[in-house]
Amino acid sequence: MTYKGPKIDPHTKTRREIELPLPPGAGTAAQWRELLDALGFQAIAQVKKSRRSGRIDWNGWQVETAIDDVEGLGSYAELEVAAPAEKVAAARDCIQSLAQQLQLQQSERRSYLELLLAR
């Protein structure tokens, strides 16, 4: 389960994330659904994707990579670095440098859900 906070810069999807593991089993899913329902969350759409993950060492950073094939949207590349608050600017520079090297020229800041709802 991942909380993704508000984006903190106008060019990337830089933001605070909190990831908590979900133990396997149908009971866990039911408990989380009950919790989210109690907090007022409701399902509005379903995002279906397949992901190919990797890792690249770049400029002293370990960059997590992903190619997502999103049903109804197409394919997207994702580059991500986990960094403490005091190193966010350096991490962002690393990502932008790698994106340029890989010739990834268009940055998409909207989530897959936002893109699907905008169609």
PDB file of N, CA and C in Angstrom:
ATOM      1  N   MET A   1       0.864  -1.159   0.000  1.00  0.00           N
ATOM      2  CA  MET A   1       0.000   0.000   0.000  1.00  0.00           C
ATOM      3  C   MET A   1       0.906   1.215   0.000  1.00  0.00           C
ATOM      4  N   THR A   2       0.668   2.130  -0.908  1.00  0.00           N
ATOM      5  CA  THR A   2       1.532   3.299  -1.033  1.00  0.00           C
ATOM      6  C   THR A   2       0.737   4.586  -0.915  1.00  0.00           C
ATOM      7  N   TYR A   3       1.198   5.479  -0.024  1.00  0.00           N
ATOM      8  CA  TYR A   3       0.685   6.842   0.053  1.00  0.00           C
ATOM      9  C   TYR A   3       1.611   7.694  -0.797  1.00  0.00           C
ATOM     10  N   LYS A   4       1.033   8.495  -1.685  1.00  0.00           N
ATOM     11  CA  LYS A   4       1.818   9.403  -2.500  1.00  0.00           C
ATOM     12  C   LYS A   4       1.336  10.813  -2.204  1.00  0.00           C
ATOM     13  N   GLY A   5       2.223  11.617  -1.630  1.00  0.00           N
ATOM     14  CA  GLY A   5       1.884  12.981  -1.246  1.00  0.00           C
ATOM     15  C   GLY A   5       1.814  13.914  -2.435  1.00  0.00           C
ATOM     16  N   PRO A   6       1.547  15.180  -2.171  1.00  0.00           N
ATOM     17  CA  PRO A   6       1.469  16.158  -3.262  1.00  0.00           C
ATOM     18  C   PRO A   6       2.821  16.322  -3.964  1.00  0.00           C
ATOM     19  N   LYS A   7       2.751  16.616  -5.254  1.00  0.00           N
ATOM     20  CA  LYS A   7       3.971  16.849  -6.033  1.00  0.00           C
ATOM     21  C   LYS A   7       4.603  18.143  -5.538  1.00  0.00           C
ATOM     22  N   ILE A   8       5.945  18.149  -5.443  1.00  0.00           N
ATOM     23  CA  ILE A   8       6.616  19.311  -4.851  1.00  0.00           C
ATOM     24  C   ILE A   8       7.460  20.098  -5.847  1.00  0.00           C
ATOM     25  N   ASP A   9       7.386  19.772  -7.122  1.00  0.00           N
ATOM     26  CA  ASP A   9       8.064  20.615  -8.117  1.00  0.00           C
ATOM     27  C   ASP A   9       7.266  20.588  -9.415  1.00  0.00           C
ATOM     28  N   PRO A  10       7.413  21.630 -10.228  1.00  0.00           N
ATOM     29  CA  PRO A  10       6.548  21.763 -11.410  1.00  0.00           C
ATOM     30  C   PRO A  10       6.938  20.910 -12.613  1.00  0.00           C
ATOM     31  N   HIS A  11       8.075  20.210 -12.565  1.00  0.00           N
ATOM     32  CA  HIS A  11       8.540  19.492 -13.750  1.00  0.00           C
ATOM     33  C   HIS A  11       8.531  17.975 -13.608  1.00  0.00           C
ATOM     34  N   THR A  12       8.614  17.474 -12.382  1.00  0.00           N
ATOM     35  CA  THR A  12       8.671  16.032 -12.161  1.00  0.00           C
ATOM     36  C   THR A  12       7.545  15.636 -11.207  1.00  0.00           C
ATOM     37  N   LYS A  13       7.482  14.353 -10.916  1.00  0.00           N
ATOM     38  CA  LYS A  13       6.494  13.856  -9.952  1.00  0.00           C
ATOM     39  C   LYS A  13       7.138  13.681  -8.573  1.00  0.00           C
ATOM     40  N   THR A  14       8.136  14.514  -8.267  1.00  0.00           N
ATOM     41  CA  THR A  14       8.823  14.429  -6.982  1.00  0.00           C
ATOM     42  C   THR A  14       7.825  14.648  -5.857  1.00  0.00           C
ATOM     43  N   ARG A  15       7.812  13.681  -4.908  1.00  0.00           N
ATOM     44  CA  ARG A  15       6.902  13.781  -3.782  1.00  0.00           C
ATOM     45  C   ARG A  15       7.284  12.776  -2.711  1.00  0.00           C
ATOM     46  N   ARG A  16       6.717  12.978  -1.538  1.00  0.00           N
ATOM     47  CA  ARG A  16       6.927  12.037  -0.445  1.00  0.00           C
ATOM     48  C   ARG A  16       6.070  10.797  -0.697  1.00  0.00           C
ATOM     49  N   GLU A  17       6.672   9.627  -0.473  1.00  0.00           N
ATOM     50  CA  GLU A  17       5.935   8.368  -0.590  1.00  0.00           C
ATOM     51  C   GLU A  17       6.171   7.539   0.668  1.00  0.00           C
ATOM     52  N   ILE A  18       5.122   6.894   1.115  1.00  0.00           N
ATOM     53  CA  ILE A  18       5.207   5.958   2.232  1.00  0.00           C
ATOM     54  C   ILE A  18       4.663   4.633   1.732  1.00  0.00           C
ATOM     55  N   GLU A  19       5.505   3.601   1.775  1.00  0.00           N
ATOM     56  CA  GLU A  19       5.091   2.276   1.305  1.00  0.00           C
ATOM     57  C   GLU A  19       5.028   1.313   2.481  1.00  0.00           C
ATOM     58  N   LEU A  20       3.901   0.632   2.613  1.00  0.00           N
ATOM     59  CA  LEU A  20       3.717  -0.371   3.656  1.00  0.00           C
ATOM     60  C   LEU A  20       3.417  -1.708   2.992  1.00  0.00           C
ATOM     61  N   PRO A  21       4.047  -2.773   3.470  1.00  0.00           N
ATOM     62  CA  PRO A  21       3.808  -4.085   2.855  1.00  0.00           C
ATOM     63  C   PRO A  21       2.409  -4.609   3.179  1.00  0.00           C
ATOM     64  N   LEU A  22       1.861  -5.356   2.239  1.00  0.00           N
ATOM     65  CA  LEU A  22       0.581  -6.028   2.450  1.00  0.00           C
ATOM     66  C   LEU A  22       0.842  -7.527   2.527  1.00  0.00           C
ATOM     67  N   PRO A  23       0.592  -8.125   3.682  1.00  0.00           N
ATOM     68  CA  PRO A  23       0.778  -9.580   3.763  1.00  0.00           C
ATOM     69  C   PRO A  23      -0.156 -10.292   2.787  1.00  0.00           C
ATOM     70  N   PRO A  24       0.255 -11.445   2.290  1.00  0.00           N
ATOM     71  CA  PRO A  24      -0.604 -12.172   1.344  1.00  0.00           C
ATOM     72  C   PRO A  24      -1.866 -12.700   2.026  1.00  0.00           C
ATOM     73  N   GLY A  25      -2.879 -12.922   1.214  1.00  0.00           N
ATOM     74  CA  GLY A  25      -4.099 -13.545   1.718  1.00  0.00           C
ATOM     75  C   GLY A  25      -5.333 -12.696   1.493  1.00  0.00           C
ATOM     76  N   ALA A  26      -6.447 -13.384   1.276  1.00  0.00           N
ATOM     77  CA  ALA A  26      -7.722 -12.698   1.025  1.00  0.00           C
ATOM     78  C   ALA A  26      -8.166 -11.903   2.240  1.00  0.00           C
ATOM     79  N   GLY A  27      -7.853 -12.375   3.430  1.00  0.00           N
ATOM     80  CA  GLY A  27      -8.250 -11.666   4.642  1.00  0.00           C
ATOM     81  C   GLY A  27      -7.624 -10.290   4.734  1.00  0.00           C
ATOM     82  N   THR A  28      -6.372 -10.170   4.333  1.00  0.00           N
ATOM     83  CA  THR A  28      -5.686  -8.880   4.356  1.00  0.00           C
ATOM     84  C   THR A  28      -6.372  -7.895   3.413  1.00  0.00           C
ATOM     85  N   ALA A  29      -6.668  -8.337   2.207  1.00  0.00           N
ATOM     86  CA  ALA A  29      -7.334  -7.458   1.235  1.00  0.00           C
ATOM     87  C   ALA A  29      -8.675  -6.983   1.776  1.00  0.00           C
ATOM     88  N   ALA A  30      -9.426  -7.873   2.394  1.00  0.00           N
ATOM     89  CA  ALA A  30     -10.735  -7.499   2.951  1.00  0.00           C
ATOM     90  C   ALA A  30     -10.576  -6.485   4.082  1.00  0.00           C
ATOM     91  N   GLN A  31      -9.565  -6.663   4.916  1.00  0.00           N
ATOM     92  CA  GLN A  31      -9.341  -5.725   6.022  1.00  0.00           C
ATOM     93  C   GLN A  31      -8.954  -4.344   5.505  1.00  0.00           C
ATOM     94  N   TRP A  32      -8.070  -4.290   4.503  1.00  0.00           N
ATOM     95  CA  TRP A  32      -7.686  -3.010   3.935  1.00  0.00           C
ATOM     96  C   TRP A  32      -8.883  -2.333   3.262  1.00  0.00           C
ATOM     97  N   ARG A  33      -9.694  -3.104   2.559  1.00  0.00           N
ATOM     98  CA  ARG A  33     -10.881  -2.528   1.917  1.00  0.00           C
ATOM     99  C   ARG A  33     -11.806  -1.937   2.977  1.00  0.00           C
ATOM    100  N   GLU A  34     -11.996  -2.657   4.078  1.00  0.00           N
ATOM    101  CA  GLU A  34     -12.847  -2.162   5.162  1.00  0.00           C
ATOM    102  C   GLU A  34     -12.285  -0.873   5.749  1.00  0.00           C
ATOM    103  N   LEU A  35     -10.965  -0.821   5.959  1.00  0.00           N
ATOM    104  CA  LEU A  35     -10.322   0.385   6.483  1.00  0.00           C
ATOM    105  C   LEU A  35     -10.504   1.562   5.530  1.00  0.00           C
ATOM    106  N   LEU A  36     -10.229   1.344   4.259  1.00  0.00           N
ATOM    107  CA  LEU A  36     -10.351   2.430   3.278  1.00  0.00           C
ATOM    108  C   LEU A  36     -11.792   2.899   3.152  1.00  0.00           C
ATOM    109  N   ASP A  37     -12.752   1.972   3.191  1.00  0.00           N
ATOM    110  CA  ASP A  37     -14.172   2.348   3.177  1.00  0.00           C
ATOM    111  C   ASP A  37     -14.504   3.204   4.393  1.00  0.00           C
ATOM    112  N   ALA A  38     -14.007   2.807   5.571  1.00  0.00           N
ATOM    113  CA  ALA A  38     -14.280   3.549   6.800  1.00  0.00           C
ATOM    114  C   ALA A  38     -13.687   4.958   6.750  1.00  0.00           C
ATOM    115  N   LEU A  39     -12.580   5.117   6.025  1.00  0.00           N
ATOM    116  CA  LEU A  39     -11.951   6.435   5.879  1.00  0.00           C
ATOM    117  C   LEU A  39     -12.608   7.280   4.792  1.00  0.00           C
ATOM    118  N   GLY A  40     -13.584   6.719   4.085  1.00  0.00           N
ATOM    119  CA  GLY A  40     -14.317   7.476   3.077  1.00  0.00           C
ATOM    120  C   GLY A  40     -13.808   7.321   1.658  1.00  0.00           C
ATOM    121  N   PHE A  41     -12.842   6.450   1.442  1.00  0.00           N
ATOM    122  CA  PHE A  41     -12.351   6.217   0.086  1.00  0.00           C
ATOM    123  C   PHE A  41     -13.362   5.353  -0.666  1.00  0.00           C
ATOM    124  N   GLN A  42     -13.427   5.567  -1.989  1.00  0.00           N
ATOM    125  CA  GLN A  42     -14.280   4.726  -2.817  1.00  0.00           C
ATOM    126  C   GLN A  42     -13.628   4.512  -4.175  1.00  0.00           C
ATOM    127  N   ALA A  43     -13.858   3.347  -4.729  1.00  0.00           N
ATOM    128  CA  ALA A  43     -13.288   3.028  -6.040  1.00  0.00           C
ATOM    129  C   ALA A  43     -13.977   3.860  -7.112  1.00  0.00           C
ATOM    130  N   ILE A  44     -13.170   4.450  -8.006  1.00  0.00           N
ATOM    131  CA  ILE A  44     -13.757   5.226  -9.107  1.00  0.00           C
ATOM    132  C   ILE A  44     -13.346   4.682 -10.468  1.00  0.00           C
ATOM    133  N   ALA A  45     -12.269   3.933 -10.519  1.00  0.00           N
ATOM    134  CA  ALA A  45     -11.806   3.337 -11.775  1.00  0.00           C
ATOM    135  C   ALA A  45     -10.756   2.287 -11.440  1.00  0.00           C
ATOM    136  N   GLN A  46     -10.468   1.447 -12.415  1.00  0.00           N
ATOM    137  CA  GLN A  46      -9.460   0.410 -12.229  1.00  0.00           C
ATOM    138  C   GLN A  46      -8.339   0.630 -13.229  1.00  0.00           C
ATOM    139  N   VAL A  47      -7.109   0.645 -12.737  1.00  0.00           N
ATOM    140  CA  VAL A  47      -5.931   0.776 -13.587  1.00  0.00           C
ATOM    141  C   VAL A  47      -5.295  -0.602 -13.706  1.00  0.00           C
ATOM    142  N   LYS A  48      -5.192  -1.102 -14.940  1.00  0.00           N
ATOM    143  CA  LYS A  48      -4.570  -2.402 -15.174  1.00  0.00           C
ATOM    144  C   LYS A  48      -3.268  -2.178 -15.931  1.00  0.00           C
ATOM    145  N   LYS A  49      -2.179  -2.703 -15.344  1.00  0.00           N
ATOM    146  CA  LYS A  49      -0.881  -2.529 -15.992  1.00  0.00           C
ATOM    147  C   LYS A  49      -0.030  -3.758 -15.771  1.00  0.00           C
ATOM    148  N   SER A  50       0.928  -3.935 -16.684  1.00  0.00           N
ATOM    149  CA  SER A  50       1.986  -4.914 -16.471  1.00  0.00           C
ATOM    150  C   SER A  50       3.280  -4.110 -16.416  1.00  0.00           C
ATOM    151  N   ARG A  51       4.215  -4.572 -15.592  1.00  0.00           N
ATOM    152  CA  ARG A  51       5.441  -3.806 -15.353  1.00  0.00           C
ATOM    153  C   ARG A  51       6.669  -4.688 -15.510  1.00  0.00           C
ATOM    154  N   ARG A  52       7.671  -4.132 -16.210  1.00  0.00           N
ATOM    155  CA  ARG A  52       9.007  -4.728 -16.280  1.00  0.00           C
ATOM    156  C   ARG A  52       9.939  -3.799 -15.515  1.00  0.00           C
ATOM    157  N   SER A  53      10.575  -4.318 -14.467  1.00  0.00           N
ATOM    158  CA  SER A  53      11.400  -3.495 -13.582  1.00  0.00           C
ATOM    159  C   SER A  53      12.880  -3.743 -13.795  1.00  0.00           C
ATOM    160  N   GLY A  54      13.684  -2.749 -13.438  1.00  0.00           N
ATOM    161  CA  GLY A  54      15.134  -2.877 -13.511  1.00  0.00           C
ATOM    162  C   GLY A  54      15.799  -1.855 -12.606  1.00  0.00           C
ATOM    163  N   ARG A  55      17.109  -1.777 -12.730  1.00  0.00           N
ATOM    164  CA  ARG A  55      17.889  -0.878 -11.901  1.00  0.00           C
ATOM    165  C   ARG A  55      19.091  -0.410 -12.711  1.00  0.00           C
ATOM    166  N   ILE A  56      19.412   0.871 -12.617  1.00  0.00           N
ATOM    167  CA  ILE A  56      20.566   1.439 -13.308  1.00  0.00           C
ATOM    168  C   ILE A  56      21.365   2.250 -12.296  1.00  0.00           C
ATOM    169  N   ASP A  57      22.688   2.025 -12.235  1.00  0.00           N
ATOM    170  CA  ASP A  57      23.563   2.882 -11.441  1.00  0.00           C
ATOM    171  C   ASP A  57      23.935   4.072 -12.308  1.00  0.00           C
ATOM    172  N   TRP A  58      23.594   5.284 -11.851  1.00  0.00           N
ATOM    173  CA  TRP A  58      23.811   6.473 -12.669  1.00  0.00           C
ATOM    174  C   TRP A  58      24.267   7.628 -11.785  1.00  0.00           C
ATOM    175  N   ASN A  59      25.437   8.163 -12.100  1.00  0.00           N
ATOM    176  CA  ASN A  59      25.982   9.330 -11.388  1.00  0.00           C
ATOM    177  C   ASN A  59      25.950   9.158  -9.866  1.00  0.00           C
ATOM    178  N   GLY A  60      26.280   7.944  -9.414  1.00  0.00           N
ATOM    179  CA  GLY A  60      26.344   7.697  -7.980  1.00  0.00           C
ATOM    180  C   GLY A  60      25.013   7.372  -7.324  1.00  0.00           C
ATOM    181  N   TRP A  61      23.964   7.259  -8.104  1.00  0.00           N
ATOM    182  CA  TRP A  61      22.638   6.939  -7.585  1.00  0.00           C
ATOM    183  C   TRP A  61      22.171   5.599  -8.139  1.00  0.00           C
ATOM    184  N   GLN A  62      21.360   4.918  -7.378  1.00  0.00           N
ATOM    185  CA  GLN A  62      20.721   3.700  -7.865  1.00  0.00           C
ATOM    186  C   GLN A  62      19.304   4.093  -8.321  1.00  0.00           C
ATOM    187  N   VAL A  63      19.083   4.018  -9.617  1.00  0.00           N
ATOM    188  CA  VAL A  63      17.817   4.445 -10.208  1.00  0.00           C
ATOM    189  C   VAL A  63      16.962   3.208 -10.486  1.00  0.00           C
ATOM    190  N   GLU A  64      15.776   3.192  -9.910  1.00  0.00           N
ATOM    191  CA  GLU A  64      14.810   2.126 -10.185  1.00  0.00           C
ATOM    192  C   GLU A  64      14.124   2.479 -11.503  1.00  0.00           C
ATOM    193  N   THR A  65      14.032   1.503 -12.399  1.00  0.00           N
ATOM    194  CA  THR A  65      13.414   1.731 -13.699  1.00  0.00           C
ATOM    195  C   THR A  65      12.204   0.824 -13.863  1.00  0.00           C
ATOM    196  N   ALA A  66      11.276   1.282 -14.673  1.00  0.00           N
ATOM    197  CA  ALA A  66      10.114   0.453 -14.982  1.00  0.00           C
ATOM    198  C   ALA A  66       9.590   0.825 -16.358  1.00  0.00           C
ATOM    199  N   ILE A  67       9.144  -0.171 -17.071  1.00  0.00           N
ATOM    200  CA  ILE A  67       8.375   0.025 -18.300  1.00  0.00           C
ATOM    201  C   ILE A  67       6.989  -0.512 -17.983  1.00  0.00           C
ATOM    202  N   ASP A  68       6.013   0.359 -17.991  1.00  0.00           N
ATOM    203  CA  ASP A  68       4.633  -0.023 -17.702  1.00  0.00           C
ATOM    204  C   ASP A  68       3.826  -0.055 -18.985  1.00  0.00           C
ATOM    205  N   ASP A  69       3.114  -1.138 -19.197  1.00  0.00           N
ATOM    206  CA  ASP A  69       2.131  -1.233 -20.275  1.00  0.00           C
ATOM    207  C   ASP A  69       0.775  -1.105 -19.601  1.00  0.00           C
ATOM    208  N   VAL A  70       0.107   0.027 -19.844  1.00  0.00           N
ATOM    209  CA  VAL A  70      -1.138   0.353 -19.153  1.00  0.00           C
ATOM    210  C   VAL A  70      -2.310   0.168 -20.112  1.00  0.00           C
ATOM    211  N   GLU A  71      -3.231  -0.695 -19.715  1.00  0.00           N
ATOM    212  CA  GLU A  71      -4.393  -0.987 -20.551  1.00  0.00           C
ATOM    213  C   GLU A  71      -5.167   0.309 -20.823  1.00  0.00           C
ATOM    214  N   GLY A  72      -5.374   0.589 -22.105  1.00  0.00           N
ATOM    215  CA  GLY A  72      -6.118   1.777 -22.504  1.00  0.00           C
ATOM    216  C   GLY A  72      -5.283   3.029 -22.653  1.00  0.00           C
ATOM    217  N   LEU A  73      -3.995   2.974 -22.279  1.00  0.00           N
ATOM    218  CA  LEU A  73      -3.142   4.165 -22.367  1.00  0.00           C
ATOM    219  C   LEU A  73      -1.880   3.960 -23.185  1.00  0.00           C
ATOM    220  N   GLY A  74      -1.285   2.777 -23.123  1.00  0.00           N
ATOM    221  CA  GLY A  74      -0.041   2.532 -23.832  1.00  0.00           C
ATOM    222  C   GLY A  74       1.103   2.260 -22.876  1.00  0.00           C
ATOM    223  N   SER A  75       2.334   2.520 -23.345  1.00  0.00           N
ATOM    224  CA  SER A  75       3.542   2.203 -22.581  1.00  0.00           C
ATOM    225  C   SER A  75       4.188   3.474 -22.036  1.00  0.00           C
ATOM    226  N   TYR A  76       4.736   3.338 -20.821  1.00  0.00           N
ATOM    227  CA  TYR A  76       5.385   4.460 -20.144  1.00  0.00           C
ATOM    228  C   TYR A  76       6.668   3.973 -19.483  1.00  0.00           C
ATOM    229  N   ALA A  77       7.693   4.816 -19.499  1.00  0.00           N
ATOM    230  CA  ALA A  77       8.938   4.542 -18.786  1.00  0.00           C
ATOM    231  C   ALA A  77       8.920   5.350 -17.497  1.00  0.00           C
ATOM    232  N   GLU A  78       9.421   4.738 -16.427  1.00  0.00           N
ATOM    233  CA  GLU A  78       9.488   5.423 -15.140  1.00  0.00           C
ATOM    234  C   GLU A  78      10.898   5.297 -14.595  1.00  0.00           C
ATOM    235  N   LEU A  79      11.424   6.413 -14.116  1.00  0.00           N
ATOM    236  CA  LEU A  79      12.730   6.460 -13.460  1.00  0.00           C
ATOM    237  C   LEU A  79      12.494   7.008 -12.059  1.00  0.00           C
ATOM    238  N   GLU A  80      13.038   6.332 -11.047  1.00  0.00           N
ATOM    239  CA  GLU A  80      12.761   6.747  -9.678  1.00  0.00           C
ATOM    240  C   GLU A  80      13.993   6.576  -8.800  1.00  0.00           C
ATOM    241  N   VAL A  81      14.226   7.568  -7.946  1.00  0.00           N
ATOM    242  CA  VAL A  81      15.292   7.522  -6.956  1.00  0.00           C
ATOM    243  C   VAL A  81      14.664   7.845  -5.606  1.00  0.00           C
ATOM    244  N   ALA A  82      14.990   7.054  -4.593  1.00  0.00           N
ATOM    245  CA  ALA A  82      14.574   7.364  -3.226  1.00  0.00           C
ATOM    246  C   ALA A  82      15.674   8.212  -2.606  1.00  0.00           C
ATOM    247  N   ALA A  83      15.293   9.370  -2.061  1.00  0.00           N
ATOM    248  CA  ALA A  83      16.297  10.282  -1.505  1.00  0.00           C
ATOM    249  C   ALA A  83      15.729  11.001  -0.291  1.00  0.00           C
ATOM    250  N   PRO A  84      16.580  11.277   0.698  1.00  0.00           N
ATOM    251  CA  PRO A  84      16.133  12.090   1.831  1.00  0.00           C
ATOM    252  C   PRO A  84      15.896  13.529   1.382  1.00  0.00           C
ATOM    253  N   ALA A  85      15.132  14.264   2.155  1.00  0.00           N
ATOM    254  CA  ALA A  85      14.718  15.628   1.777  1.00  0.00           C
ATOM    255  C   ALA A  85      15.895  16.514   1.384  1.00  0.00           C
ATOM    256  N   GLU A  86      17.016  16.385   2.081  1.00  0.00           N
ATOM    257  CA  GLU A  86      18.154  17.276   1.802  1.00  0.00           C
ATOM    258  C   GLU A  86      18.869  16.932   0.494  1.00  0.00           C
ATOM    259  N   LYS A  87      18.530  15.816  -0.134  1.00  0.00           N
ATOM    260  CA  LYS A  87      19.179  15.415  -1.392  1.00  0.00           C
ATOM    261  C   LYS A  87      18.200  15.355  -2.566  1.00  0.00           C
ATOM    262  N   VAL A  88      17.009  15.913  -2.393  1.00  0.00           N
ATOM    263  CA  VAL A  88      15.998  15.851  -3.455  1.00  0.00           C
ATOM    264  C   VAL A  88      16.479  16.539  -4.730  1.00  0.00           C
ATOM    265  N   ALA A  89      17.113  17.692  -4.613  1.00  0.00           N
ATOM    266  CA  ALA A  89      17.568  18.414  -5.808  1.00  0.00           C
ATOM    267  C   ALA A  89      18.607  17.591  -6.574  1.00  0.00           C
ATOM    268  N   ALA A  90      19.545  16.970  -5.871  1.00  0.00           N
ATOM    269  CA  ALA A  90      20.565  16.144  -6.527  1.00  0.00           C
ATOM    270  C   ALA A  90      19.937  14.916  -7.174  1.00  0.00           C
ATOM    271  N   ALA A  91      18.965  14.307  -6.507  1.00  0.00           N
ATOM    272  CA  ALA A  91      18.278  13.145  -7.067  1.00  0.00           C
ATOM    273  C   ALA A  91      17.515  13.534  -8.324  1.00  0.00           C
ATOM    274  N   ARG A  92      16.861  14.687  -8.298  1.00  0.00           N
ATOM    275  CA  ARG A  92      16.121  15.170  -9.462  1.00  0.00           C
ATOM    276  C   ARG A  92      17.076  15.406 -10.628  1.00  0.00           C
ATOM    277  N   ASP A  93      18.248  15.995 -10.353  1.00  0.00           N
ATOM    278  CA  ASP A  93      19.243  16.213 -11.411  1.00  0.00           C
ATOM    279  C   ASP A  93      19.697  14.889 -12.010  1.00  0.00           C
ATOM    280  N   CYS A  94      19.874  13.876 -11.168  1.00  0.00           N
ATOM    281  CA  CYS A  94      20.259  12.551 -11.641  1.00  0.00           C
ATOM    282  C   CYS A  94      19.204  11.992 -12.597  1.00  0.00           C
ATOM    283  N   ILE A  95      17.953  12.063 -12.198  1.00  0.00           N
ATOM    284  CA  ILE A  95      16.856  11.536 -13.021  1.00  0.00           C
ATOM    285  C   ILE A  95      16.783  12.281 -14.353  1.00  0.00           C
ATOM    286  N   GLN A  96      16.882  13.604 -14.304  1.00  0.00           N
ATOM    287  CA  GLN A  96      16.801  14.377 -15.543  1.00  0.00           C
ATOM    288  C   GLN A  96      17.971  14.073 -16.469  1.00  0.00           C
ATOM    289  N   SER A  97      19.159  13.863 -15.907  1.00  0.00           N
ATOM    290  CA  SER A  97      20.331  13.520 -16.709  1.00  0.00           C
ATOM    291  C   SER A  97      20.153  12.158 -17.374  1.00  0.00           C
ATOM    292  N   LEU A  98      19.671  11.180 -16.612  1.00  0.00           N
ATOM    293  CA  LEU A  98      19.458   9.846 -17.181  1.00  0.00           C
ATOM    294  C   LEU A  98      18.355   9.868 -18.235  1.00  0.00           C
ATOM    295  N   ALA A  99      17.282  10.600 -17.968  1.00  0.00           N
ATOM    296  CA  ALA A  99      16.191  10.706 -18.947  1.00  0.00           C
ATOM    297  C   ALA A  99      16.713  11.297 -20.263  1.00  0.00           C
ATOM    298  N   GLN A 100      17.560  12.304 -20.162  1.00  0.00           N
ATOM    299  CA  GLN A 100      18.134  12.905 -21.365  1.00  0.00           C
ATOM    300  C   GLN A 100      19.008  11.885 -22.093  1.00  0.00           C
ATOM    301  N   GLN A 101      19.831  11.144 -21.368  1.00  0.00           N
ATOM    302  CA  GLN A 101      20.702  10.134 -21.972  1.00  0.00           C
ATOM    303  C   GLN A 101      19.878   9.062 -22.684  1.00  0.00           C
ATOM    304  N   LEU A 102      18.737   8.684 -22.097  1.00  0.00           N
ATOM    305  CA  LEU A 102      17.870   7.656 -22.684  1.00  0.00           C
ATOM    306  C   LEU A 102      16.920   8.220 -23.739  1.00  0.00           C
ATOM    307  N   GLN A 103      17.027   9.519 -23.990  1.00  0.00           N
ATOM    308  CA  GLN A 103      16.180  10.217 -24.950  1.00  0.00           C
ATOM    309  C   GLN A 103      14.696  10.124 -24.594  1.00  0.00           C
ATOM    310  N   LEU A 104      14.421  10.184 -23.301  1.00  0.00           N
ATOM    311  CA  LEU A 104      13.038  10.267 -22.818  1.00  0.00           C
ATOM    312  C   LEU A 104      12.723  11.754 -22.703  1.00  0.00           C
ATOM    313  N   GLN A 105      12.000  12.266 -23.696  1.00  0.00           N
ATOM    314  CA  GLN A 105      11.862  13.704 -23.814  1.00  0.00           C
ATOM    315  C   GLN A 105      10.562  14.261 -23.240  1.00  0.00           C
ATOM    316  N   GLN A 106       9.534  13.465 -23.151  1.00  0.00           N
ATOM    317  CA  GLN A 106       8.255  13.963 -22.645  1.00  0.00           C
ATOM    318  C   GLN A 106       8.044  13.448 -21.228  1.00  0.00           C
ATOM    319  N   SER A 107       7.871  14.370 -20.302  1.00  0.00           N
ATOM    320  CA  SER A 107       7.590  13.995 -18.921  1.00  0.00           C
ATOM    321  C   SER A 107       6.082  14.074 -18.704  1.00  0.00           C
ATOM    322  N   GLU A 108       5.521  13.038 -18.098  1.00  0.00           N
ATOM    323  CA  GLU A 108       4.077  13.019 -17.801  1.00  0.00           C
ATOM    324  C   GLU A 108       3.907  13.041 -16.287  1.00  0.00           C
ATOM    325  N   ARG A 109       3.350  14.116 -15.763  1.00  0.00           N
ATOM    326  CA  ARG A 109       3.202  14.268 -14.316  1.00  0.00           C
ATOM    327  C   ARG A 109       1.887  13.682 -13.801  1.00  0.00           C
ATOM    328  N   ARG A 110       0.932  13.458 -14.703  1.00  0.00           N
ATOM    329  CA  ARG A 110      -0.353  12.909 -14.238  1.00  0.00           C
ATOM    330  C   ARG A 110      -0.224  11.424 -13.950  1.00  0.00           C
ATOM    331  N   SER A 111      -1.023  10.948 -13.006  1.00  0.00           N
ATOM    332  CA  SER A 111      -1.047   9.521 -12.690  1.00  0.00           C
ATOM    333  C   SER A 111      -1.799   8.774 -13.792  1.00  0.00           C
ATOM    334  N   TYR A 112      -1.640   7.448 -13.796  1.00  0.00           N
ATOM    335  CA  TYR A 112      -2.397   6.644 -14.763  1.00  0.00           C
ATOM    336  C   TYR A 112      -3.883   6.838 -14.554  1.00  0.00           C
ATOM    337  N   LEU A 113      -4.318   6.926 -13.315  1.00  0.00           N
ATOM    338  CA  LEU A 113      -5.742   7.155 -13.034  1.00  0.00           C
ATOM    339  C   LEU A 113      -6.196   8.485 -13.639  1.00  0.00           C
ATOM    340  N   GLU A 114      -5.420   9.541 -13.435  1.00  0.00           N
ATOM    341  CA  GLU A 114      -5.776  10.840 -14.014  1.00  0.00           C
ATOM    342  C   GLU A 114      -5.859  10.760 -15.535  1.00  0.00           C
ATOM    343  N   LEU A 115      -4.912  10.076 -16.157  1.00  0.00           N
ATOM    344  CA  LEU A 115      -4.914   9.931 -17.608  1.00  0.00           C
ATOM    345  C   LEU A 115      -6.146   9.160 -18.087  1.00  0.00           C
ATOM    346  N   LEU A 116      -6.486   8.083 -17.380  1.00  0.00           N
ATOM    347  CA  LEU A 116      -7.659   7.294 -17.763  1.00  0.00           C
ATOM    348  C   LEU A 116      -8.943   8.107 -17.608  1.00  0.00           C
ATOM    349  N   LEU A 117      -9.067   8.848 -16.530  1.00  0.00           N
ATOM    350  CA  LEU A 117     -10.274   9.641 -16.304  1.00  0.00           C
ATOM    351  C   LEU A 117     -10.396  10.794 -17.292  1.00  0.00           C
ATOM    352  N   ALA A 118      -9.272  11.276 -17.816  1.00  0.00           N
ATOM    353  CA  ALA A 118      -9.275  12.398 -18.779  1.00  0.00           C
ATOM    354  C   ALA A 118      -9.683  11.955 -20.181  1.00  0.00           C
ATOM    355  N   ARG A 119      -9.654  10.625 -20.468  1.00  0.00           N
ATOM    356  CA  ARG A 119      -9.980  10.145 -21.808  1.00  0.00           C
ATOM    357  C   ARG A 119     -11.424  10.370 -22.145  1.00  0.00           C
TER     358      ARG A 119
END
